[in-house]
Every structure is written in structure tokens, then in C-alpha cells.
């Protein structure tokens, strides 16, 4: 079975100050996969924006309404532009689509190249360049999709490797004994 690949140029439109978290991160990832011939061996999956209903799997309604409502500003470790809301919803949606494709048997595994990142976003708070917790939303979606497909997902494992601890993933999923969260960080 093929490996699924998700990428959407909409996520490149979230722009801010000169920083490591910039569009070039995902552009270079996709370029590297293409240069190595790996992208061509993958099954391109259709990207999809996360609905408010999907985002509520990991976030409060207030957070969903407020997380990206500050256009054209930079504040602490967060920056926003007119495209931030769409890019953040697309990042979460692509992660869910990757899970959906694997659970439905369309692909054996999937890679979603997304930004803005998500592992610092908590249930009710955006932080650390993260607006929505893409992985926590996808983990909850896996549980829900498994029920819908009559293939229950009994356990979910999340392996997060980054320079920083993914405090948002931990906060959102902490009380769920069916989810194992492992963070490898400096």
C-alpha cells in the first residue's frame, strides 16, 4: 500500500517576522522529498480545512473563536496575519485527513507537512507559535473515526520530537488513559 502525503500551499501564507517558524520550513521539506524522488512515490492526499467541530475535539469553543483573531500583529511568541486563521485550520485538517486515510485503508501510513505547528497549543490557549493543536485534534479524530468506521481505535501513541516539550499535547490528552504521549526534547 502507498504512503500518503499531504501538503497545501495555503499554509505558506501564514507570515510573520524573521524566525525559524516560517513558510520556508515546509517548502524545504517538500522540496527535499521531491529531490530525493520520495514525494513522487507517495499517494497525494487531498487537503481539507478543519471544521470548528473537529477543532472542538481538543479545544474550547472560546479558543477556536479567539485563537487567530488578531490580524497583522506580533505579540510575544505569537504572530498573526490575515491568512493565519486559514493556515492554522488547514494544518489541523491535513493531520486529520492523514489519520482518516490510514484508518480507512486508503494508505498504509501518511505524512502531513504542516504549519503553523501545534504542540504548544493548549485546550484554551495559543502559545509558542501554535494556534491549534494539530496532533491532539488528529488523535481525538482517530478515536472518533475508528468508531465511525466500526474499527475501534483502542490506543493512540503520540511521539513528539522537538527542541521543546509539547506541553499542549500533554495538557489536552493528559487525562485520557488510551493515549500514550512521549515527548523527546532538549
Protein backbone atom coordinates (compact mmCIF):
# COMPACT_ATOMS: atom_id res chain seq x y z
CA UNK A 1 0.00 0.00 0.00
CA UNK A 2 1.20 3.52 -0.70
CA UNK A 3 2.30 6.15 1.79
CA UNK A 4 0.04 9.19 1.83
CA UNK A 5 1.41 12.72 1.55
CA UNK A 6 -0.46 15.89 2.48
CA UNK A 7 0.66 19.42 1.73
CA UNK A 8 -1.22 22.59 0.93
CA UNK A 9 0.31 25.87 -0.21
CA UNK A 10 -2.27 27.76 1.86
CA UNK A 11 -0.09 27.05 4.90
CA UNK A 12 2.72 29.06 3.30
CA UNK A 13 0.59 32.22 3.56
CA UNK A 14 0.90 32.48 7.35
CA UNK A 15 3.68 35.09 7.52
CA UNK A 16 5.42 36.87 10.35
CA UNK A 17 8.76 38.20 11.50
CA UNK A 18 12.09 36.66 10.54
CA UNK A 19 12.11 33.45 12.58
CA UNK A 20 12.72 29.73 12.23
CA UNK A 21 8.93 29.15 12.12
CA UNK A 22 8.36 30.48 8.62
CA UNK A 23 6.95 29.17 5.32
CA UNK A 24 10.38 28.05 4.16
CA UNK A 25 10.27 25.22 6.74
CA UNK A 26 7.56 23.29 4.92
CA UNK A 27 8.63 24.43 1.46
CA UNK A 28 12.07 22.92 2.02
CA UNK A 29 10.65 19.70 3.45
CA UNK A 30 8.54 19.15 0.34
CA UNK A 31 11.42 20.15 -1.97
CA UNK A 32 13.74 17.65 -0.26
CA UNK A 33 11.19 14.85 -0.65
CA UNK A 34 10.80 15.78 -4.33
CA UNK A 35 14.57 15.98 -4.95
CA UNK A 36 15.03 12.54 -3.41
CA UNK A 37 12.19 11.12 -5.51
CA UNK A 38 10.22 10.23 -2.39
CA UNK A 39 7.28 12.60 -2.96
CA UNK A 40 6.64 11.01 -6.36
CA UNK A 41 6.40 7.59 -4.71
CA UNK A 42 3.72 8.80 -2.30
CA UNK A 43 -0.01 8.97 -2.86
CA UNK A 44 -1.00 12.66 -2.75
CA UNK A 45 -4.00 13.01 -0.48
CA UNK A 46 -6.44 15.89 -0.73
CA UNK A 47 -6.02 18.53 1.93
CA UNK A 48 -9.00 19.71 3.91
CA UNK A 49 -9.57 22.54 6.37
CA UNK A 50 -10.53 21.54 9.91
CA UNK A 51 -14.07 22.48 10.85
CA UNK A 52 -14.95 24.03 14.20
CA UNK A 53 -16.49 20.66 15.11
CA UNK A 54 -13.15 18.91 14.59
CA UNK A 55 -11.23 21.59 16.48
CA UNK A 56 -13.63 21.16 19.43
CA UNK A 57 -12.20 17.66 19.89
CA UNK A 58 -9.19 19.35 21.53
CA UNK A 59 -10.12 23.00 22.06
CA UNK A 60 -12.71 25.08 23.84
CA UNK A 61 -15.22 26.99 21.69
CA UNK A 62 -13.82 30.25 23.06
CA UNK A 63 -10.31 29.31 21.99
CA UNK A 64 -11.46 28.38 18.49
CA UNK A 65 -13.16 31.77 18.13
CA UNK A 66 -10.27 33.79 19.58
CA UNK A 67 -7.06 31.89 18.72
CA UNK A 68 -6.43 33.59 15.39
CA UNK A 69 -8.45 36.78 15.72
CA UNK A 70 -5.55 39.24 15.98
CA UNK A 71 -4.62 40.21 12.39
CA UNK A 72 -1.30 41.84 11.49
CA UNK A 73 0.33 41.84 14.93
CA UNK A 74 3.22 40.19 16.68
CA UNK A 75 2.92 39.57 20.40
CA UNK A 76 5.49 37.62 22.40
CA UNK A 77 5.96 34.23 20.77
CA UNK A 78 2.88 34.61 18.57
CA UNK A 79 2.41 36.42 15.28
CA UNK A 80 -0.69 36.75 13.17
CA UNK A 81 -1.56 37.93 9.67
CA UNK A 82 -4.71 37.94 7.57
CA UNK A 83 -4.00 34.34 6.45
CA UNK A 84 -3.22 32.84 9.87
CA UNK A 85 -6.72 31.51 10.59
CA UNK A 86 -6.95 29.68 7.26
CA UNK A 87 -3.41 28.29 7.55
CA UNK A 88 -3.96 27.06 11.12
CA UNK A 89 -7.23 25.35 10.21
CA UNK A 90 -5.57 23.76 7.17
CA UNK A 91 -2.69 22.40 9.28
CA UNK A 92 -5.10 20.71 11.69
CA UNK A 93 -7.29 19.48 8.85
CA UNK A 94 -4.36 17.90 6.99
CA UNK A 95 -3.37 15.98 10.11
CA UNK A 96 -6.92 14.66 10.46
CA UNK A 97 -7.03 13.71 6.77
CA UNK A 98 -3.79 11.74 7.21
CA UNK A 99 -5.40 9.79 10.06
CA UNK A 100 -8.60 9.29 8.07
CA UNK A 101 -6.69 7.90 5.07
CA UNK A 102 -4.78 5.41 7.22
CA UNK A 103 -7.83 4.26 9.18
CA UNK A 104 -9.92 3.82 6.02
CA UNK A 105 -7.17 1.71 4.43
CA UNK A 106 -6.54 4.16 1.58
CA UNK A 107 -2.84 4.26 2.56
CA UNK A 108 -0.68 2.28 4.94
CA UNK A 109 0.85 5.38 6.54
CA UNK A 110 0.84 9.11 5.90
CA UNK A 111 2.99 12.19 6.25
CA UNK A 112 1.37 15.60 6.69
CA UNK A 113 3.78 18.51 6.15
CA UNK A 114 2.03 21.30 8.04
CA UNK A 115 2.40 24.67 9.67
CA UNK A 116 1.78 26.57 11.83
CA UNK A 117 2.91 23.96 14.32
CA UNK A 118 0.62 22.86 17.11
CA UNK A 119 2.26 21.07 20.01
CA UNK A 120 2.27 24.08 22.37
CA UNK A 121 -1.42 24.99 21.84
CA UNK A 122 -3.46 24.07 24.90
CA UNK A 123 -7.19 23.46 25.12
CA UNK A 124 -7.92 27.12 25.79
CA UNK A 125 -4.71 28.92 24.82
CA UNK A 126 -2.50 29.50 21.79
CA UNK A 127 1.21 29.79 22.52
CA UNK A 128 4.68 29.09 21.15
CA UNK A 129 3.76 29.83 17.50
CA UNK A 130 0.95 27.26 17.84
CA UNK A 131 -2.72 28.12 17.36
CA UNK A 132 -4.46 24.74 17.20
CA UNK A 133 -3.01 21.50 18.49
CA UNK A 134 -2.84 19.60 15.20
CA UNK A 135 -1.72 16.32 16.76
CA UNK A 136 -4.18 16.36 19.65
CA UNK A 137 -7.03 17.08 17.21
CA UNK A 138 -5.81 14.20 15.00
CA UNK A 139 -5.51 11.81 17.97
CA UNK A 140 -9.07 12.58 19.06
CA UNK A 141 -10.25 12.31 15.45
CA UNK A 142 -8.62 8.87 15.22
CA UNK A 143 -10.67 7.74 18.19
CA UNK A 144 -13.86 9.16 16.70
CA UNK A 145 -13.19 7.91 13.15
CA UNK A 146 -12.46 4.43 14.45
CA UNK A 147 -15.92 4.32 15.99
CA UNK A 148 -17.49 5.66 12.78
CA UNK A 149 -15.69 3.04 10.66
CA UNK A 150 -16.58 0.24 13.08
CA UNK A 151 -12.84 -0.29 13.66
CA UNK A 152 -12.35 0.98 17.19
CA UNK A 153 -9.04 2.68 17.91
CA UNK A 154 -8.28 1.37 21.37
CA UNK A 155 -4.97 3.15 21.87
CA UNK A 156 -3.18 6.08 20.32
CA UNK A 157 0.55 6.73 20.65
CA UNK A 158 1.98 10.18 20.01
CA UNK A 159 5.73 10.58 19.61
CA UNK A 160 6.73 14.23 19.64
CA UNK A 161 10.32 15.16 18.87
CA UNK A 162 11.29 18.78 19.03
CA UNK A 163 13.65 21.09 20.86
CA UNK A 164 10.82 21.88 23.29
CA UNK A 165 8.39 19.75 25.27
CA UNK A 166 4.95 19.62 23.65
CA UNK A 167 3.14 20.94 26.69
CA UNK A 168 -0.06 21.49 24.74
CA UNK A 169 -0.35 17.87 23.61
CA UNK A 170 0.24 16.78 27.20
CA UNK A 171 -2.36 19.23 28.57
CA UNK A 172 -5.06 18.24 26.07
CA UNK A 173 -4.54 14.47 26.28
CA UNK A 174 -3.27 14.07 29.87
CA UNK A 175 -6.39 12.51 31.38
CA UNK A 176 -7.04 10.01 28.58
CA UNK A 177 -5.57 6.63 29.57
CA UNK A 178 -5.98 5.36 26.00
CA UNK A 179 -3.37 7.85 24.73
CA UNK A 180 0.37 7.45 25.28
CA UNK A 181 2.27 10.70 24.82
CA UNK A 182 6.06 10.65 24.53
CA UNK A 183 7.99 13.90 24.14
CA UNK A 184 11.64 13.79 23.17
CA UNK A 185 13.10 17.24 23.67
CA UNK A 186 16.23 19.04 24.77
